[in-house]
């Protein structure tokens, strides 16, 4: 298996879709957010370092939280123990980094997080590298 597993939008999760729906329905992500992925959206890179006590539910919760800002979030999970998640997403939410770091670090299995402006444009944005099938 590859070093990284690509987590896609809910349509592409397959068996994880029900887990995400359950986590959301159970109130695991208890906030409301306008994703703001319009033309004024800015690309960010977010890193999530999980703890040794993290569970699949913690991973699913962080994925759902990030996708609430941008449904097209590119979220990679490094399959090490403890896992490390990396996301690139676009949003126009004011104070995004401070807000998302606080929200992610409230998840039980998350150790530390970081957020910064993306150094490379997110897919689908002007200046983004072309993808080949």
C-alpha atoms as a PDB file:
ATOM      1  CA  UNK A   1       0.000   0.000   0.000  1.00  0.00           C
ATOM      2  CA  UNK A   2       1.235   3.505  -0.746  1.00  0.00           C
ATOM      3  CA  UNK A   3       2.647   5.834   1.885  1.00  0.00           C
ATOM      4  CA  UNK A   4      -0.286   8.164   1.468  1.00  0.00           C
ATOM      5  CA  UNK A   5      -3.974   7.382   1.223  1.00  0.00           C
ATOM      6  CA  UNK A   6      -5.993  10.016  -0.571  1.00  0.00           C
ATOM      7  CA  UNK A   7      -9.234  10.924   1.127  1.00  0.00           C
ATOM      8  CA  UNK A   8     -11.711  12.449  -1.276  1.00  0.00           C
ATOM      9  CA  UNK A   9     -15.064  14.132  -1.012  1.00  0.00           C
ATOM     10  CA  UNK A  10     -17.896  12.191   0.610  1.00  0.00           C
ATOM     11  CA  UNK A  11     -18.890  10.796  -2.797  1.00  0.00           C
ATOM     12  CA  UNK A  12     -15.516   9.010  -3.045  1.00  0.00           C
ATOM     13  CA  UNK A  13     -15.162   7.690   0.513  1.00  0.00           C
ATOM     14  CA  UNK A  14     -16.971   4.418  -0.115  1.00  0.00           C
ATOM     15  CA  UNK A  15     -17.026   2.634   3.264  1.00  0.00           C
ATOM     16  CA  UNK A  16     -16.034   5.782   5.148  1.00  0.00           C
ATOM     17  CA  UNK A  17     -19.129   7.677   3.966  1.00  0.00           C
ATOM     18  CA  UNK A  18     -21.349   6.180   6.643  1.00  0.00           C
ATOM     19  CA  UNK A  19     -18.747   6.884   9.338  1.00  0.00           C
ATOM     20  CA  UNK A  20     -18.574  10.532   8.262  1.00  0.00           C
ATOM     21  CA  UNK A  21     -22.347  10.807   8.202  1.00  0.00           C
ATOM     22  CA  UNK A  22     -22.538   9.281  11.667  1.00  0.00           C
ATOM     23  CA  UNK A  23     -19.853  11.597  13.044  1.00  0.00           C
ATOM     24  CA  UNK A  24     -21.639  14.623  11.616  1.00  0.00           C
ATOM     25  CA  UNK A  25     -25.070  13.449  12.763  1.00  0.00           C
ATOM     26  CA  UNK A  26     -23.729  12.756  16.246  1.00  0.00           C
ATOM     27  CA  UNK A  27     -22.551  16.328  16.487  1.00  0.00           C
ATOM     28  CA  UNK A  28     -18.848  15.477  16.371  1.00  0.00           C
ATOM     29  CA  UNK A  29     -18.352  18.615  14.352  1.00  0.00           C
ATOM     30  CA  UNK A  30     -20.520  21.078  16.253  1.00  0.00           C
ATOM     31  CA  UNK A  31     -20.138  24.294  14.326  1.00  0.00           C
ATOM     32  CA  UNK A  32     -21.635  26.067  11.373  1.00  0.00           C
ATOM     33  CA  UNK A  33     -19.411  27.520   8.719  1.00  0.00           C
ATOM     34  CA  UNK A  34     -19.932  29.124   5.345  1.00  0.00           C
ATOM     35  CA  UNK A  35     -17.182  27.526   3.277  1.00  0.00           C
ATOM     36  CA  UNK A  36     -16.702  30.655   1.203  1.00  0.00           C
ATOM     37  CA  UNK A  37     -15.009  29.011  -1.773  1.00  0.00           C
ATOM     38  CA  UNK A  38     -15.888  31.874  -4.125  1.00  0.00           C
ATOM     39  CA  UNK A  39     -13.539  33.898  -6.271  1.00  0.00           C
ATOM     40  CA  UNK A  40     -12.047  35.671  -3.242  1.00  0.00           C
ATOM     41  CA  UNK A  41     -11.076  32.371  -1.584  1.00  0.00           C
ATOM     42  CA  UNK A  42      -7.453  31.912  -0.517  1.00  0.00           C
ATOM     43  CA  UNK A  43      -5.513  28.625  -0.595  1.00  0.00           C
ATOM     44  CA  UNK A  44      -4.249  27.242   2.735  1.00  0.00           C
ATOM     45  CA  UNK A  45      -2.154  24.270   3.804  1.00  0.00           C
ATOM     46  CA  UNK A  46      -3.208  22.588   7.046  1.00  0.00           C
ATOM     47  CA  UNK A  47      -1.232  19.919   8.903  1.00  0.00           C
ATOM     48  CA  UNK A  48      -2.720  17.626  11.559  1.00  0.00           C
ATOM     49  CA  UNK A  49      -0.430  15.545  13.790  1.00  0.00           C
ATOM     50  CA  UNK A  50      -2.482  12.871  15.514  1.00  0.00           C
ATOM     51  CA  UNK A  51      -1.642  11.377  18.901  1.00  0.00           C
ATOM     52  CA  UNK A  52      -0.917   7.732  19.661  1.00  0.00           C
ATOM     53  CA  UNK A  53      -4.436   7.432  21.068  1.00  0.00           C
ATOM     54  CA  UNK A  54      -6.116   8.677  17.883  1.00  0.00           C
ATOM     55  CA  UNK A  55      -8.907   6.626  16.360  1.00  0.00           C
ATOM     56  CA  UNK A  56     -10.465   6.332  12.912  1.00  0.00           C
ATOM     57  CA  UNK A  57     -13.281   8.511  14.213  1.00  0.00           C
ATOM     58  CA  UNK A  58     -10.774  11.304  14.995  1.00  0.00           C
ATOM     59  CA  UNK A  59      -9.392  11.056  11.460  1.00  0.00           C
ATOM     60  CA  UNK A  60     -12.895  11.095   9.964  1.00  0.00           C
ATOM     61  CA  UNK A  61     -13.877  14.060  12.142  1.00  0.00           C
ATOM     62  CA  UNK A  62     -10.881  16.129  10.994  1.00  0.00           C
ATOM     63  CA  UNK A  63     -11.620  15.271   7.369  1.00  0.00           C
ATOM     64  CA  UNK A  64     -15.255  16.301   7.752  1.00  0.00           C
ATOM     65  CA  UNK A  65     -14.268  19.516   9.505  1.00  0.00           C
ATOM     66  CA  UNK A  66     -11.858  20.512   6.727  1.00  0.00           C
ATOM     67  CA  UNK A  67     -14.374  19.617   4.016  1.00  0.00           C
ATOM     68  CA  UNK A  68     -16.926  21.886   5.674  1.00  0.00           C
ATOM     69  CA  UNK A  69     -14.741  24.803   4.551  1.00  0.00           C
ATOM     70  CA  UNK A  70     -14.079  23.448   1.050  1.00  0.00           C
ATOM     71  CA  UNK A  71     -15.829  20.325  -0.305  1.00  0.00           C
ATOM     72  CA  UNK A  72     -12.940  19.886  -2.772  1.00  0.00           C
ATOM     73  CA  UNK A  73     -10.329  19.745  -0.002  1.00  0.00           C
ATOM     74  CA  UNK A  74      -7.306  17.656  -0.888  1.00  0.00           C
ATOM     75  CA  UNK A  75      -6.651  15.725   2.360  1.00  0.00           C
ATOM     76  CA  UNK A  76      -3.782  13.246   2.473  1.00  0.00           C
ATOM     77  CA  UNK A  77      -3.269  10.893   5.377  1.00  0.00           C
ATOM     78  CA  UNK A  78       0.231   9.553   5.928  1.00  0.00           C
ATOM     79  CA  UNK A  79      -0.166   5.929   6.939  1.00  0.00           C
ATOM     80  CA  UNK A  80       2.282   5.944   9.833  1.00  0.00           C
ATOM     81  CA  UNK A  81       1.575   5.635  13.514  1.00  0.00           C
ATOM     82  CA  UNK A  82       0.484   8.015  14.738  1.00  0.00           C
ATOM     83  CA  UNK A  83      -0.866   9.307  11.424  1.00  0.00           C
ATOM     84  CA  UNK A  84      -0.260  12.759   9.984  1.00  0.00           C
ATOM     85  CA  UNK A  85      -2.849  14.535   7.854  1.00  0.00           C
ATOM     86  CA  UNK A  86      -2.086  17.202   5.269  1.00  0.00           C
ATOM     87  CA  UNK A  87      -4.777  19.269   3.572  1.00  0.00           C
ATOM     88  CA  UNK A  88      -4.857  21.939   0.895  1.00  0.00           C
ATOM     89  CA  UNK A  89      -8.086  23.883   0.658  1.00  0.00           C
ATOM     90  CA  UNK A  90      -9.566  27.202  -0.381  1.00  0.00           C
ATOM     91  CA  UNK A  91     -11.750  29.443   1.731  1.00  0.00           C
ATOM     92  CA  UNK A  92     -12.586  33.096   2.206  1.00  0.00           C
ATOM     93  CA  UNK A  93     -13.492  32.676   5.889  1.00  0.00           C
ATOM     94  CA  UNK A  94     -11.958  35.516   7.912  1.00  0.00           C
ATOM     95  CA  UNK A  95      -9.459  34.315  10.524  1.00  0.00           C
ATOM     96  CA  UNK A  96      -9.453  30.829   9.001  1.00  0.00           C
ATOM     97  CA  UNK A  97      -6.105  29.599  10.384  1.00  0.00           C
ATOM     98  CA  UNK A  98      -6.813  30.583  13.981  1.00  0.00           C
ATOM     99  CA  UNK A  99     -10.316  29.124  13.787  1.00  0.00           C
ATOM    100  CA  UNK A 100      -9.427  25.817  12.129  1.00  0.00           C
ATOM    101  CA  UNK A 101      -6.428  25.206  14.428  1.00  0.00           C
ATOM    102  CA  UNK A 102      -8.665  25.716  17.468  1.00  0.00           C
ATOM    103  CA  UNK A 103     -11.361  23.421  16.037  1.00  0.00           C
ATOM    104  CA  UNK A 104      -8.928  20.681  15.022  1.00  0.00           C
ATOM    105  CA  UNK A 105      -7.085  20.709  18.333  1.00  0.00           C
ATOM    106  CA  UNK A 106     -10.429  20.206  20.108  1.00  0.00           C
ATOM    107  CA  UNK A 107     -10.652  16.733  18.511  1.00  0.00           C
ATOM    108  CA  UNK A 108      -9.580  14.126  21.101  1.00  0.00           C
ATOM    109  CA  UNK A 109      -6.965  12.314  18.976  1.00  0.00           C
ATOM    110  CA  UNK A 110      -5.280  15.418  17.569  1.00  0.00           C
ATOM    111  CA  UNK A 111      -1.954  16.511  19.034  1.00  0.00           C
ATOM    112  CA  UNK A 112      -0.807  19.585  17.156  1.00  0.00           C
ATOM    113  CA  UNK A 113      -1.914  21.385  14.028  1.00  0.00           C
ATOM    114  CA  UNK A 114      -0.582  24.108  11.797  1.00  0.00           C
ATOM    115  CA  UNK A 115      -2.113  26.315   9.149  1.00  0.00           C
ATOM    116  CA  UNK A 116      -0.486  28.658   6.642  1.00  0.00           C
ATOM    117  CA  UNK A 117      -1.060  30.213   3.257  1.00  0.00           C
ATOM    118  CA  UNK A 118      -0.417  27.626   0.554  1.00  0.00           C
ATOM    119  CA  UNK A 119       2.982  27.835  -1.096  1.00  0.00           C
ATOM    120  CA  UNK A 120       1.591  26.237  -4.263  1.00  0.00           C
ATOM    121  CA  UNK A 121      -1.840  27.038  -5.653  1.00  0.00           C
ATOM    122  CA  UNK A 122      -4.652  24.606  -4.868  1.00  0.00           C
ATOM    123  CA  UNK A 123      -5.991  22.481  -7.712  1.00  0.00           C
ATOM    124  CA  UNK A 124      -8.503  24.318  -9.854  1.00  0.00           C
ATOM    125  CA  UNK A 125      -7.018  27.743  -9.137  1.00  0.00           C
ATOM    126  CA  UNK A 126      -5.076  30.087 -11.346  1.00  0.00           C
ATOM    127  CA  UNK A 127      -1.424  29.012 -11.388  1.00  0.00           C
ATOM    128  CA  UNK A 128      -2.160  25.466 -10.208  1.00  0.00           C
ATOM    129  CA  UNK A 129      -0.131  22.721 -11.855  1.00  0.00           C
ATOM    130  CA  UNK A 130      -1.942  20.802 -14.596  1.00  0.00           C
ATOM    131  CA  UNK A 131      -3.077  17.289 -13.746  1.00  0.00           C
ATOM    132  CA  UNK A 132      -2.853  14.392 -16.139  1.00  0.00           C
ATOM    133  CA  UNK A 133      -5.140  11.361 -15.810  1.00  0.00           C
END
